[in-house]
C-alpha atoms as a PDB file:
ATOM      1  CA  UNK A   1      32.174 -92.705  23.145  1.00  0.00           C
ATOM      2  CA  UNK A   2      31.282 -92.296  26.693  1.00  0.00           C
ATOM      3  CA  UNK A   3      28.262 -94.679  27.945  1.00  0.00           C
ATOM      4  CA  UNK A   4      25.103 -92.919  29.650  1.00  0.00           C
ATOM      5  CA  UNK A   5      25.313 -94.561  33.507  1.00  0.00           C
ATOM      6  CA  UNK A   6      21.580 -93.566  35.282  1.00  0.00           C
ATOM      7  CA  UNK A   7      22.528 -93.480  39.665  1.00  0.00           C
ATOM      8  CA  UNK A   8      19.657 -93.315  41.775  1.00  0.00           C
ATOM      9  CA  UNK A   9      21.340 -91.118  44.852  1.00  0.00           C
ATOM     10  CA  UNK A  10      19.808 -91.007  48.454  1.00  0.00           C
ATOM     11  CA  UNK A  11      17.028 -88.650  49.416  1.00  0.00           C
ATOM     12  CA  UNK A  12      18.048 -84.656  50.246  1.00  0.00           C
ATOM     13  CA  UNK A  13      15.255 -84.281  53.167  1.00  0.00           C
ATOM     14  CA  UNK A  14      17.234 -86.723  55.333  1.00  0.00           C
ATOM     15  CA  UNK A  15      20.335 -84.707  54.426  1.00  0.00           C
ATOM     16  CA  UNK A  16      18.318 -81.494  55.112  1.00  0.00           C
ATOM     17  CA  UNK A  17      17.772 -82.045  58.402  1.00  0.00           C
ATOM     18  CA  UNK A  18      21.593 -82.598  59.354  1.00  0.00           C
ATOM     19  CA  UNK A  19      22.266 -80.267  58.076  1.00  0.00           C
ATOM     20  CA  UNK A  20      20.273 -77.558  59.829  1.00  0.00           C
ATOM     21  CA  UNK A  21      21.049 -79.518  63.206  1.00  0.00           C
ATOM     22  CA  UNK A  22      24.591 -79.201  62.070  1.00  0.00           C
ATOM     23  CA  UNK A  23      23.489 -75.428  61.531  1.00  0.00           C
ATOM     24  CA  UNK A  24      22.368 -74.735  64.864  1.00  0.00           C
ATOM     25  CA  UNK A  25      24.811 -76.710  66.626  1.00  0.00           C
ATOM     26  CA  UNK A  26      27.577 -74.603  65.305  1.00  0.00           C
ATOM     27  CA  UNK A  27      25.781 -71.479  66.238  1.00  0.00           C
ATOM     28  CA  UNK A  28      25.424 -72.781  69.860  1.00  0.00           C
ATOM     29  CA  UNK A  29      28.719 -72.984  69.924  1.00  0.00           C
ATOM     30  CA  UNK A  30      29.804 -69.502  68.591  1.00  0.00           C
ATOM     31  CA  UNK A  31      27.207 -68.580  71.232  1.00  0.00           C
ATOM     32  CA  UNK A  32      28.689 -70.345  73.729  1.00  0.00           C
ATOM     33  CA  UNK A  33      31.957 -69.330  73.415  1.00  0.00           C
ATOM     34  CA  UNK A  34      33.259 -73.030  71.783  1.00  0.00           C
ATOM     35  CA  UNK A  35      35.139 -71.579  68.783  1.00  0.00           C
ATOM     36  CA  UNK A  36      37.052 -74.447  67.226  1.00  0.00           C
ATOM     37  CA  UNK A  37      34.329 -76.370  68.130  1.00  0.00           C
ATOM     38  CA  UNK A  38      30.985 -74.401  65.893  1.00  0.00           C
ATOM     39  CA  UNK A  39      33.834 -73.312  63.494  1.00  0.00           C
ATOM     40  CA  UNK A  40      34.415 -77.062  62.933  1.00  0.00           C
ATOM     41  CA  UNK A  41      30.733 -77.977  62.568  1.00  0.00           C
ATOM     42  CA  UNK A  42      29.868 -75.081  60.349  1.00  0.00           C
ATOM     43  CA  UNK A  43      32.512 -75.885  58.286  1.00  0.00           C
ATOM     44  CA  UNK A  44      31.596 -79.408  57.519  1.00  0.00           C
ATOM     45  CA  UNK A  45      27.761 -78.146  56.738  1.00  0.00           C
ATOM     46  CA  UNK A  46      29.025 -75.585  54.458  1.00  0.00           C
ATOM     47  CA  UNK A  47      31.610 -77.544  52.712  1.00  0.00           C
ATOM     48  CA  UNK A  48      30.055 -81.638  53.056  1.00  0.00           C
ATOM     49  CA  UNK A  49      26.809 -81.530  53.627  1.00  0.00           C
ATOM     50  CA  UNK A  50      25.078 -78.524  51.760  1.00  0.00           C
ATOM     51  CA  UNK A  51      26.504 -78.523  48.681  1.00  0.00           C
ATOM     52  CA  UNK A  52      25.852 -82.142  47.888  1.00  0.00           C
ATOM     53  CA  UNK A  53      22.073 -80.871  47.297  1.00  0.00           C
ATOM     54  CA  UNK A  54      20.346 -80.966  44.103  1.00  0.00           C
ATOM     55  CA  UNK A  55      17.017 -80.077  43.046  1.00  0.00           C
ATOM     56  CA  UNK A  56      15.441 -82.188  39.017  1.00  0.00           C
ATOM     57  CA  UNK A  57      13.346 -80.597  37.990  1.00  0.00           C
ATOM     58  CA  UNK A  58      11.013 -82.721  35.472  1.00  0.00           C
ATOM     59  CA  UNK A  59      12.481 -83.357  31.729  1.00  0.00           C
ATOM     60  CA  UNK A  60      15.561 -82.480  33.239  1.00  0.00           C
ATOM     61  CA  UNK A  61      18.894 -83.721  34.454  1.00  0.00           C
ATOM     62  CA  UNK A  62      22.147 -83.270  36.319  1.00  0.00           C
ATOM     63  CA  UNK A  63      25.838 -85.095  34.574  1.00  0.00           C
ATOM     64  CA  UNK A  64      28.305 -85.560  37.875  1.00  0.00           C
ATOM     65  CA  UNK A  65      31.926 -85.611  37.254  1.00  0.00           C
ATOM     66  CA  UNK A  66      34.193 -85.991  40.103  1.00  0.00           C
ATOM     67  CA  UNK A  67      37.919 -85.070  39.129  1.00  0.00           C
ATOM     68  CA  UNK A  68      37.286 -85.248  35.118  1.00  0.00           C
ATOM     69  CA  UNK A  69      35.624 -88.600  35.787  1.00  0.00           C
ATOM     70  CA  UNK A  70      32.073 -88.819  34.708  1.00  0.00           C
ATOM     71  CA  UNK A  71      30.401 -90.205  37.628  1.00  0.00           C
ATOM     72  CA  UNK A  72      26.550 -91.126  36.133  1.00  0.00           C
ATOM     73  CA  UNK A  73      23.585 -89.321  35.427  1.00  0.00           C
ATOM     74  CA  UNK A  74      20.409 -87.831  37.571  1.00  0.00           C
ATOM     75  CA  UNK A  75      17.534 -88.284  35.085  1.00  0.00           C
ATOM     76  CA  UNK A  76      14.784 -88.799  38.131  1.00  0.00           C
ATOM     77  CA  UNK A  77      12.980 -85.593  39.431  1.00  0.00           C
ATOM     78  CA  UNK A  78      13.236 -84.898  43.197  1.00  0.00           C
ATOM     79  CA  UNK A  79      15.054 -83.391  45.908  1.00  0.00           C
ATOM     80  CA  UNK A  80      18.255 -85.795  46.582  1.00  0.00           C
ATOM     81  CA  UNK A  81      21.821 -85.694  47.700  1.00  0.00           C
ATOM     82  CA  UNK A  82      25.235 -86.944  46.067  1.00  0.00           C
ATOM     83  CA  UNK A  83      28.072 -86.211  46.236  1.00  0.00           C
ATOM     84  CA  UNK A  84      29.515 -82.536  47.402  1.00  0.00           C
ATOM     85  CA  UNK A  85      32.936 -82.721  45.113  1.00  0.00           C
ATOM     86  CA  UNK A  86      31.477 -84.183  42.181  1.00  0.00           C
ATOM     87  CA  UNK A  87      30.622 -81.293  39.065  1.00  0.00           C
ATOM     88  CA  UNK A  88      26.988 -81.259  38.713  1.00  0.00           C
ATOM     89  CA  UNK A  89      25.969 -79.803  34.739  1.00  0.00           C
ATOM     90  CA  UNK A  90      22.513 -79.177  34.499  1.00  0.00           C
ATOM     91  CA  UNK A  91      20.573 -80.541  31.196  1.00  0.00           C
ATOM     92  CA  UNK A  92      17.360 -80.477  30.052  1.00  0.00           C
ATOM     93  CA  UNK A  93      15.709 -83.469  28.380  1.00  0.00           C
ATOM     94  CA  UNK A  94      12.188 -81.079  27.170  1.00  0.00           C
ATOM     95  CA  UNK A  95      11.948 -81.351  23.293  1.00  0.00           C
ATOM     96  CA  UNK A  96      13.495 -78.895  21.009  1.00  0.00           C
ATOM     97  CA  UNK A  97      12.252 -76.726  18.231  1.00  0.00           C
ATOM     98  CA  UNK A  98      14.587 -75.909  15.261  1.00  0.00           C
ATOM     99  CA  UNK A  99      13.070 -73.547  12.851  1.00  0.00           C
ATOM    100  CA  UNK A 100      15.818 -73.511   9.800  1.00  0.00           C
ATOM    101  CA  UNK A 101      16.815 -70.439   8.031  1.00  0.00           C
ATOM    102  CA  UNK A 102      16.338 -70.784   4.438  1.00  0.00           C
ATOM    103  CA  UNK A 103      18.913 -72.084   2.646  1.00  0.00           C
ATOM    104  CA  UNK A 104      19.391 -71.399  -1.416  1.00  0.00           C
ATOM    105  CA  UNK A 105      20.851 -74.684  -2.752  1.00  0.00           C
ATOM    106  CA  UNK A 106      20.710 -76.311  -6.213  1.00  0.00           C
ATOM    107  CA  UNK A 107      18.188 -79.589  -6.853  1.00  0.00           C
ATOM    108  CA  UNK A 108      19.251 -82.652  -8.670  1.00  0.00           C
ATOM    109  CA  UNK A 109      18.990 -80.859 -11.785  1.00  0.00           C
ATOM    110  CA  UNK A 110      21.148 -77.717 -10.525  1.00  0.00           C
ATOM    111  CA  UNK A 111      17.846 -75.333  -9.935  1.00  0.00           C
ATOM    112  CA  UNK A 112      18.550 -72.516  -7.523  1.00  0.00           C
ATOM    113  CA  UNK A 113      15.459 -73.302  -4.764  1.00  0.00           C
ATOM    114  CA  UNK A 114      15.101 -71.485  -1.378  1.00  0.00           C
ATOM    115  CA  UNK A 115      14.462 -74.217   1.435  1.00  0.00           C
ATOM    116  CA  UNK A 116      14.415 -75.393   5.068  1.00  0.00           C
ATOM    117  CA  UNK A 117      12.838 -77.832   7.844  1.00  0.00           C
ATOM    118  CA  UNK A 118      11.557 -77.556  11.564  1.00  0.00           C
ATOM    119  CA  UNK A 119      12.817 -80.559  13.217  1.00  0.00           C
ATOM    120  CA  UNK A 120      11.642 -82.035  17.245  1.00  0.00           C
ATOM    121  CA  UNK A 121      14.153 -82.941  18.722  1.00  0.00           C
ATOM    122  CA  UNK A 122      15.844 -84.084  22.753  1.00  0.00           C
ATOM    123  CA  UNK A 123      18.524 -85.188  23.824  1.00  0.00           C
ATOM    124  CA  UNK A 124      18.166 -89.119  24.803  1.00  0.00           C
ATOM    125  CA  UNK A 125      21.684 -89.879  26.101  1.00  0.00           C
ATOM    126  CA  UNK A 126      23.583 -86.922  28.391  1.00  0.00           C
ATOM    127  CA  UNK A 127      26.991 -88.395  28.450  1.00  0.00           C
ATOM    128  CA  UNK A 128      27.104 -88.172  24.799  1.00  0.00           C
ATOM    129  CA  UNK A 129      25.698 -84.563  24.736  1.00  0.00           C
ATOM    130  CA  UNK A 130      28.795 -84.057  27.111  1.00  0.00           C
ATOM    131  CA  UNK A 131      31.201 -85.057  26.270  1.00  0.00           C
ATOM    132  CA  UNK A 132      31.098 -86.323  23.057  1.00  0.00           C
ATOM    133  CA  UNK A 133      31.190 -83.238  20.745  1.00  0.00           C
ATOM    134  CA  UNK A 134      31.748 -79.448  21.852  1.00  0.00           C
ATOM    135  CA  UNK A 135      28.865 -78.246  22.374  1.00  0.00           C
ATOM    136  CA  UNK A 136      25.886 -80.004  21.513  1.00  0.00           C
ATOM    137  CA  UNK A 137      23.216 -77.236  20.625  1.00  0.00           C
ATOM    138  CA  UNK A 138      25.884 -76.457  17.634  1.00  0.00           C
ATOM    139  CA  UNK A 139      26.070 -79.861  16.715  1.00  0.00           C
ATOM    140  CA  UNK A 140      22.543 -79.795  15.818  1.00  0.00           C
ATOM    141  CA  UNK A 141      21.845 -76.552  14.007  1.00  0.00           C
ATOM    142  CA  UNK A 142      25.134 -77.313  11.119  1.00  0.00           C
ATOM    143  CA  UNK A 143      23.985 -80.950  11.030  1.00  0.00           C
ATOM    144  CA  UNK A 144      21.074 -80.250  10.342  1.00  0.00           C
ATOM    145  CA  UNK A 145      21.646 -77.457   8.086  1.00  0.00           C
ATOM    146  CA  UNK A 146      24.405 -79.467   6.043  1.00  0.00           C
ATOM    147  CA  UNK A 147      21.242 -83.050   6.188  1.00  0.00           C
ATOM    148  CA  UNK A 148      19.149 -80.340   5.073  1.00  0.00           C
ATOM    149  CA  UNK A 149      21.479 -79.324   2.008  1.00  0.00           C
ATOM    150  CA  UNK A 150      22.718 -83.167   1.085  1.00  0.00           C
ATOM    151  CA  UNK A 151      18.434 -83.615   1.291  1.00  0.00           C
ATOM    152  CA  UNK A 152      18.149 -81.340  -1.578  1.00  0.00           C
ATOM    153  CA  UNK A 153      21.099 -81.711  -3.755  1.00  0.00           C
ATOM    154  CA  UNK A 154      20.006 -85.201  -3.349  1.00  0.00           C
ATOM    155  CA  UNK A 155      16.299 -84.838  -5.255  1.00  0.00           C
ATOM    156  CA  UNK A 156      14.831 -82.686  -8.264  1.00  0.00           C
ATOM    157  CA  UNK A 157      12.381 -79.453  -7.005  1.00  0.00           C
ATOM    158  CA  UNK A 158       9.232 -81.421  -9.428  1.00  0.00           C
ATOM    159  CA  UNK A 159       8.663 -83.904 -12.486  1.00  0.00           C
ATOM    160  CA  UNK A 160       9.583 -80.881 -14.849  1.00  0.00           C
ATOM    161  CA  UNK A 161      12.597 -80.956 -15.861  1.00  0.00           C
ATOM    162  CA  UNK A 162      13.446 -85.166 -14.550  1.00  0.00           C
ATOM    163  CA  UNK A 163      10.507 -86.934 -15.491  1.00  0.00           C
ATOM    164  CA  UNK A 164      11.757 -90.336 -14.754  1.00  0.00           C
ATOM    165  CA  UNK A 165      12.641 -88.558 -10.722  1.00  0.00           C
ATOM    166  CA  UNK A 166       9.904 -91.754  -8.178  1.00  0.00           C
ATOM    167  CA  UNK A 167      10.565 -88.958  -5.378  1.00  0.00           C
ATOM    168  CA  UNK A 168      10.516 -85.130  -6.088  1.00  0.00           C
ATOM    169  CA  UNK A 169      10.917 -82.662  -3.177  1.00  0.00           C
ATOM    170  CA  UNK A 170       7.419 -80.840  -4.036  1.00  0.00           C
ATOM    171  CA  UNK A 171       5.221 -83.499  -4.610  1.00  0.00           C
ATOM    172  CA  UNK A 172       7.569 -86.150  -2.327  1.00  0.00           C
ATOM    173  CA  UNK A 173       6.519 -84.355   0.701  1.00  0.00           C
ATOM    174  CA  UNK A 174       5.972 -87.765   3.429  1.00  0.00           C
ATOM    175  CA  UNK A 175       8.839 -89.991   1.889  1.00  0.00           C
ATOM    176  CA  UNK A 176      10.999 -86.830   1.914  1.00  0.00           C
ATOM    177  CA  UNK A 177      10.421 -86.238   5.738  1.00  0.00           C
ATOM    178  CA  UNK A 178      11.295 -89.814   5.711  1.00  0.00           C
ATOM    179  CA  UNK A 179      14.425 -89.447   4.125  1.00  0.00           C
ATOM    180  CA  UNK A 180      15.877 -85.997   6.260  1.00  0.00           C
ATOM    181  CA  UNK A 181      14.412 -87.144   9.404  1.00  0.00           C
ATOM    182  CA  UNK A 182      17.138 -90.743   8.822  1.00  0.00           C
ATOM    183  CA  UNK A 183      19.430 -88.959   7.985  1.00  0.00           C
ATOM    184  CA  UNK A 184      19.894 -86.168  10.687  1.00  0.00           C
ATOM    185  CA  UNK A 185      19.151 -89.426  13.067  1.00  0.00           C
ATOM    186  CA  UNK A 186      22.773 -90.863  12.147  1.00  0.00           C
ATOM    187  CA  UNK A 187      24.150 -87.431  12.107  1.00  0.00           C
ATOM    188  CA  UNK A 188      23.512 -86.260  15.801  1.00  0.00           C
ATOM    189  CA  UNK A 189      23.650 -89.883  17.409  1.00  0.00           C
ATOM    190  CA  UNK A 190      26.633 -89.386  17.596  1.00  0.00           C
ATOM    191  CA  UNK A 191      25.621 -86.376  20.087  1.00  0.00           C
ATOM    192  CA  UNK A 192      23.224 -88.215  22.074  1.00  0.00           C
ATOM    193  CA  UNK A 193      20.641 -86.300  20.309  1.00  0.00           C
ATOM    194  CA  UNK A 194      16.899 -88.586  19.523  1.00  0.00           C
ATOM    195  CA  UNK A 195      15.118 -86.416  16.188  1.00  0.00           C
ATOM    196  CA  UNK A 196      11.008 -86.954  17.197  1.00  0.00           C
ATOM    197  CA  UNK A 197       9.738 -85.568  13.753  1.00  0.00           C
ATOM    198  CA  UNK A 198      11.841 -83.467  10.775  1.00  0.00           C
ATOM    199  CA  UNK A 199       9.166 -81.798   8.344  1.00  0.00           C
ATOM    200  CA  UNK A 200      10.117 -79.514   5.122  1.00  0.00           C
ATOM    201  CA  UNK A 201       8.472 -75.731   6.072  1.00  0.00           C
ATOM    202  CA  UNK A 202       9.951 -74.237   3.363  1.00  0.00           C
ATOM    203  CA  UNK A 203      10.702 -74.680  -0.191  1.00  0.00           C
ATOM    204  CA  UNK A 204      10.696 -72.929  -3.730  1.00  0.00           C
ATOM    205  CA  UNK A 205      12.872 -71.054  -6.383  1.00  0.00           C
ATOM    206  CA  UNK A 206      15.171 -68.755  -6.093  1.00  0.00           C
ATOM    207  CA  UNK A 207      14.203 -65.973  -6.768  1.00  0.00           C
ATOM    208  CA  UNK A 208      16.142 -65.266  -9.837  1.00  0.00           C
ATOM    209  CA  UNK A 209      14.152 -68.629 -12.123  1.00  0.00           C
ATOM    210  CA  UNK A 210      10.729 -67.943 -10.015  1.00  0.00           C
ATOM    211  CA  UNK A 211       9.531 -65.925 -12.316  1.00  0.00           C
ATOM    212  CA  UNK A 212      10.296 -68.335 -15.752  1.00  0.00           C
ATOM    213  CA  UNK A 213       9.390 -70.865 -13.540  1.00  0.00           C
ATOM    214  CA  UNK A 214       6.143 -69.949 -13.115  1.00  0.00           C
ATOM    215  CA  UNK A 215       5.779 -69.298 -16.590  1.00  0.00           C
ATOM    216  CA  UNK A 216       6.888 -72.231 -17.622  1.00  0.00           C
ATOM    217  CA  UNK A 217       4.122 -74.456 -14.781  1.00  0.00           C
ATOM    218  CA  UNK A 218       1.557 -71.836 -16.374  1.00  0.00           C
ATOM    219  CA  UNK A 219       2.109 -73.174 -20.311  1.00  0.00           C
ATOM    220  CA  UNK A 220       2.686 -76.830 -18.798  1.00  0.00           C
ATOM    221  CA  UNK A 221      -0.908 -76.631 -17.511  1.00  0.00           C
ATOM    222  CA  UNK A 222      -2.166 -74.584 -20.688  1.00  0.00           C
ATOM    223  CA  UNK A 223      -0.917 -77.497 -22.590  1.00  0.00           C
ATOM    224  CA  UNK A 224      -2.637 -80.587 -20.580  1.00  0.00           C
ATOM    225  CA  UNK A 225      -5.622 -78.654 -20.277  1.00  0.00           C
ATOM    226  CA  UNK A 226      -5.340 -78.548 -24.503  1.00  0.00           C
ATOM    227  CA  UNK A 227      -5.136 -81.790 -24.695  1.00  0.00           C
ATOM    228  CA  UNK A 228      -7.739 -83.012 -22.209  1.00  0.00           C
ATOM    229  CA  UNK A 229     -10.384 -80.821 -24.744  1.00  0.00           C
ATOM    230  CA  UNK A 230      -9.537 -81.833 -27.847  1.00  0.00           C
ATOM    231  CA  UNK A 231      -9.811 -85.982 -26.391  1.00  0.00           C
ATOM    232  CA  UNK A 232     -13.004 -84.536 -24.681  1.00  0.00           C
ATOM    233  CA  UNK A 233     -14.041 -82.974 -28.410  1.00  0.00           C
ATOM    234  CA  UNK A 234     -12.967 -85.969 -30.692  1.00  0.00           C
ATOM    235  CA  UNK A 235     -14.957 -88.192 -28.617  1.00  0.00           C
ATOM    236  CA  UNK A 236     -18.253 -86.226 -29.008  1.00  0.00           C
ATOM    237  CA  UNK A 237     -17.199 -85.846 -32.801  1.00  0.00           C
ATOM    238  CA  UNK A 238     -16.713 -89.601 -32.596  1.00  0.00           C
ATOM    239  CA  UNK A 239     -20.266 -90.096 -30.709  1.00  0.00           C
ATOM    240  CA  UNK A 240     -22.607 -87.470 -32.522  1.00  0.00           C
ATOM    241  CA  UNK A 241     -21.135 -89.054 -35.852  1.00  0.00           C
ATOM    242  CA  UNK A 242     -22.363 -92.509 -34.415  1.00  0.00           C
ATOM    243  CA  UNK A 243     -25.391 -91.393 -33.528  1.00  0.00           C
ATOM    244  CA  UNK A 244     -26.853 -89.655 -36.429  1.00  0.00           C
ATOM    245  CA  UNK A 245     -26.174 -92.852 -38.315  1.00  0.00           C
ATOM    246  CA  UNK A 246     -27.600 -95.312 -36.319  1.00  0.00           C
ATOM    247  CA  UNK A 247     -30.415 -93.216 -35.958  1.00  0.00           C
ATOM    248  CA  UNK A 248     -30.596 -92.677 -39.851  1.00  0.00           C
ATOM    249  CA  UNK A 249     -31.503 -88.793 -39.473  1.00  0.00           C
ATOM    250  CA  UNK A 250     -29.263 -87.750 -42.073  1.00  0.00           C
ATOM    251  CA  UNK A 251     -27.170 -89.476 -44.728  1.00  0.00           C
ATOM    252  CA  UNK A 252     -23.133 -87.790 -44.733  1.00  0.00           C
ATOM    253  CA  UNK A 253     -20.770 -88.759 -47.209  1.00  0.00           C
ATOM    254  CA  UNK A 254     -16.968 -88.555 -46.946  1.00  0.00           C
ATOM    255  CA  UNK A 255     -17.325 -84.692 -47.742  1.00  0.00           C
ATOM    256  CA  UNK A 256     -20.072 -83.785 -45.831  1.00  0.00           C
ATOM    257  CA  UNK A 257     -18.286 -85.723 -42.052  1.00  0.00           C
ATOM    258  CA  UNK A 258     -15.232 -83.825 -42.769  1.00  0.00           C
ATOM    259  CA  UNK A 259     -16.947 -80.116 -42.359  1.00  0.00           C
ATOM    260  CA  UNK A 260     -18.608 -81.607 -39.486  1.00  0.00           C
ATOM    261  CA  UNK A 261     -16.568 -82.562 -37.659  1.00  0.00           C
ATOM    262  CA  UNK A 262     -14.335 -79.480 -38.407  1.00  0.00           C
ATOM    263  CA  UNK A 263     -17.136 -77.106 -37.176  1.00  0.00           C
ATOM    264  CA  UNK A 264     -17.372 -78.994 -33.910  1.00  0.00           C
ATOM    265  CA  UNK A 265     -13.960 -78.976 -33.725  1.00  0.00           C
ATOM    266  CA  UNK A 266     -13.498 -74.909 -34.083  1.00  0.00           C
ATOM    267  CA  UNK A 267     -17.151 -74.774 -31.304  1.00  0.00           C
ATOM    268  CA  UNK A 268     -15.591 -77.541 -29.103  1.00  0.00           C
ATOM    269  CA  UNK A 269     -11.898 -76.472 -28.655  1.00  0.00           C
ATOM    270  CA  UNK A 270     -12.175 -72.464 -28.800  1.00  0.00           C
ATOM    271  CA  UNK A 271     -11.449 -70.107 -26.030  1.00  0.00           C
ATOM    272  CA  UNK A 272     -14.208 -67.388 -27.545  1.00  0.00           C
ATOM    273  CA  UNK A 273     -17.897 -67.585 -27.395  1.00  0.00           C
ATOM    274  CA  UNK A 274     -18.961 -69.271 -31.448  1.00  0.00           C
ATOM    275  CA  UNK A 275     -20.992 -66.925 -33.333  1.00  0.00           C
ATOM    276  CA  UNK A 276     -23.403 -68.468 -36.084  1.00  0.00           C
ATOM    277  CA  UNK A 277     -23.345 -68.330 -39.593  1.00  0.00           C
ATOM    278  CA  UNK A 278     -26.214 -69.210 -41.697  1.00  0.00           C
ATOM    279  CA  UNK A 279     -25.220 -70.686 -44.931  1.00  0.00           C
ATOM    280  CA  UNK A 280     -27.662 -69.667 -47.693  1.00  0.00           C
ATOM    281  CA  UNK A 281     -26.135 -72.028 -50.131  1.00  0.00           C
ATOM    282  CA  UNK A 282     -25.101 -75.278 -49.952  1.00  0.00           C
ATOM    283  CA  UNK A 283     -21.642 -77.094 -49.524  1.00  0.00           C
ATOM    284  CA  UNK A 284     -20.740 -78.026 -53.404  1.00  0.00           C
ATOM    285  CA  UNK A 285     -21.637 -74.063 -54.410  1.00  0.00           C
END
C-alpha cells in the first residue's frame, strides 16, 4: 500500500517573475523579428515554467504523480512551483459530514428497526485515498452503511426482549457511538480516512411493528406503576397498623385488621375516587 510522502516545493513567486521575464523576452524577440528565438522563449515559458505553478488553499492538498509514479503530496498552503510534467490532483483535507440514510435492518433479536448515523470524517493520508481505493467518497459511503448495519445486528433495540443485555441501541447511546467509531476507523483506514465522530441520528422500530411495540411499552409502564403503587400501599397499611397499636387507639382482632387492610388497599390502589359508605351496623352483623 502506498505510503504518503509530504514534500515542500519551492516558492512560486520567483518562478512567476522568471515566467513574466520569459514572456516579455519572447514578445520582444517577435516584435524585432527574431521569430525562432521568440518562439523558443515562449515555448519554454508556456511548457516548462508556467504549468509548474500551483496554488494550495488552506486544508487542501495536491497529490503529484509523474508518469504513473507517486512523487509526493503538497499539504502546506501557499503558492509553489513543482515539476511541470507532474499530474496534480486536488484533494480536500476538510472535515466532512456524512448524514447516512435511514436503513431498515433487524436487531439482535430479529426485530425490524430503522437506524441512521451521522459521521464526521476527513482525509488523513492522501496517498491511500488516491491510490488504495477506486473512489474514496463512494468507499466511505458504502463502508459506513455496512458498519451501521453490523452494529444494528449486534445489539438489541432495548431490554424488553433481551433483559440480560448490557448494551442496547436505545439506552447505550454513548457506548454504541464509541463502538461505531471504532469499527468505522478500522474499515476506513484503508482509504486513509480518519473518523472524527460517529453518532446514531435516528433509531425507531419499523412501521409494521411500531404500533405493537408501543402498546407493549405502555403495558410495561402500567405494570411498573401498579407495582410501585402496591408496594407503597402495603407500606402505608403496615405503618397505619403499627401506629394504631403503638398509640393504643383501638384494639383490633385479626378479622377487623383484615377488613381494615382490605379497605385501605382499595382506597390506596384504586384508580378512581373513593365513594364513602356509612356503616350503621357492626362488622359482625
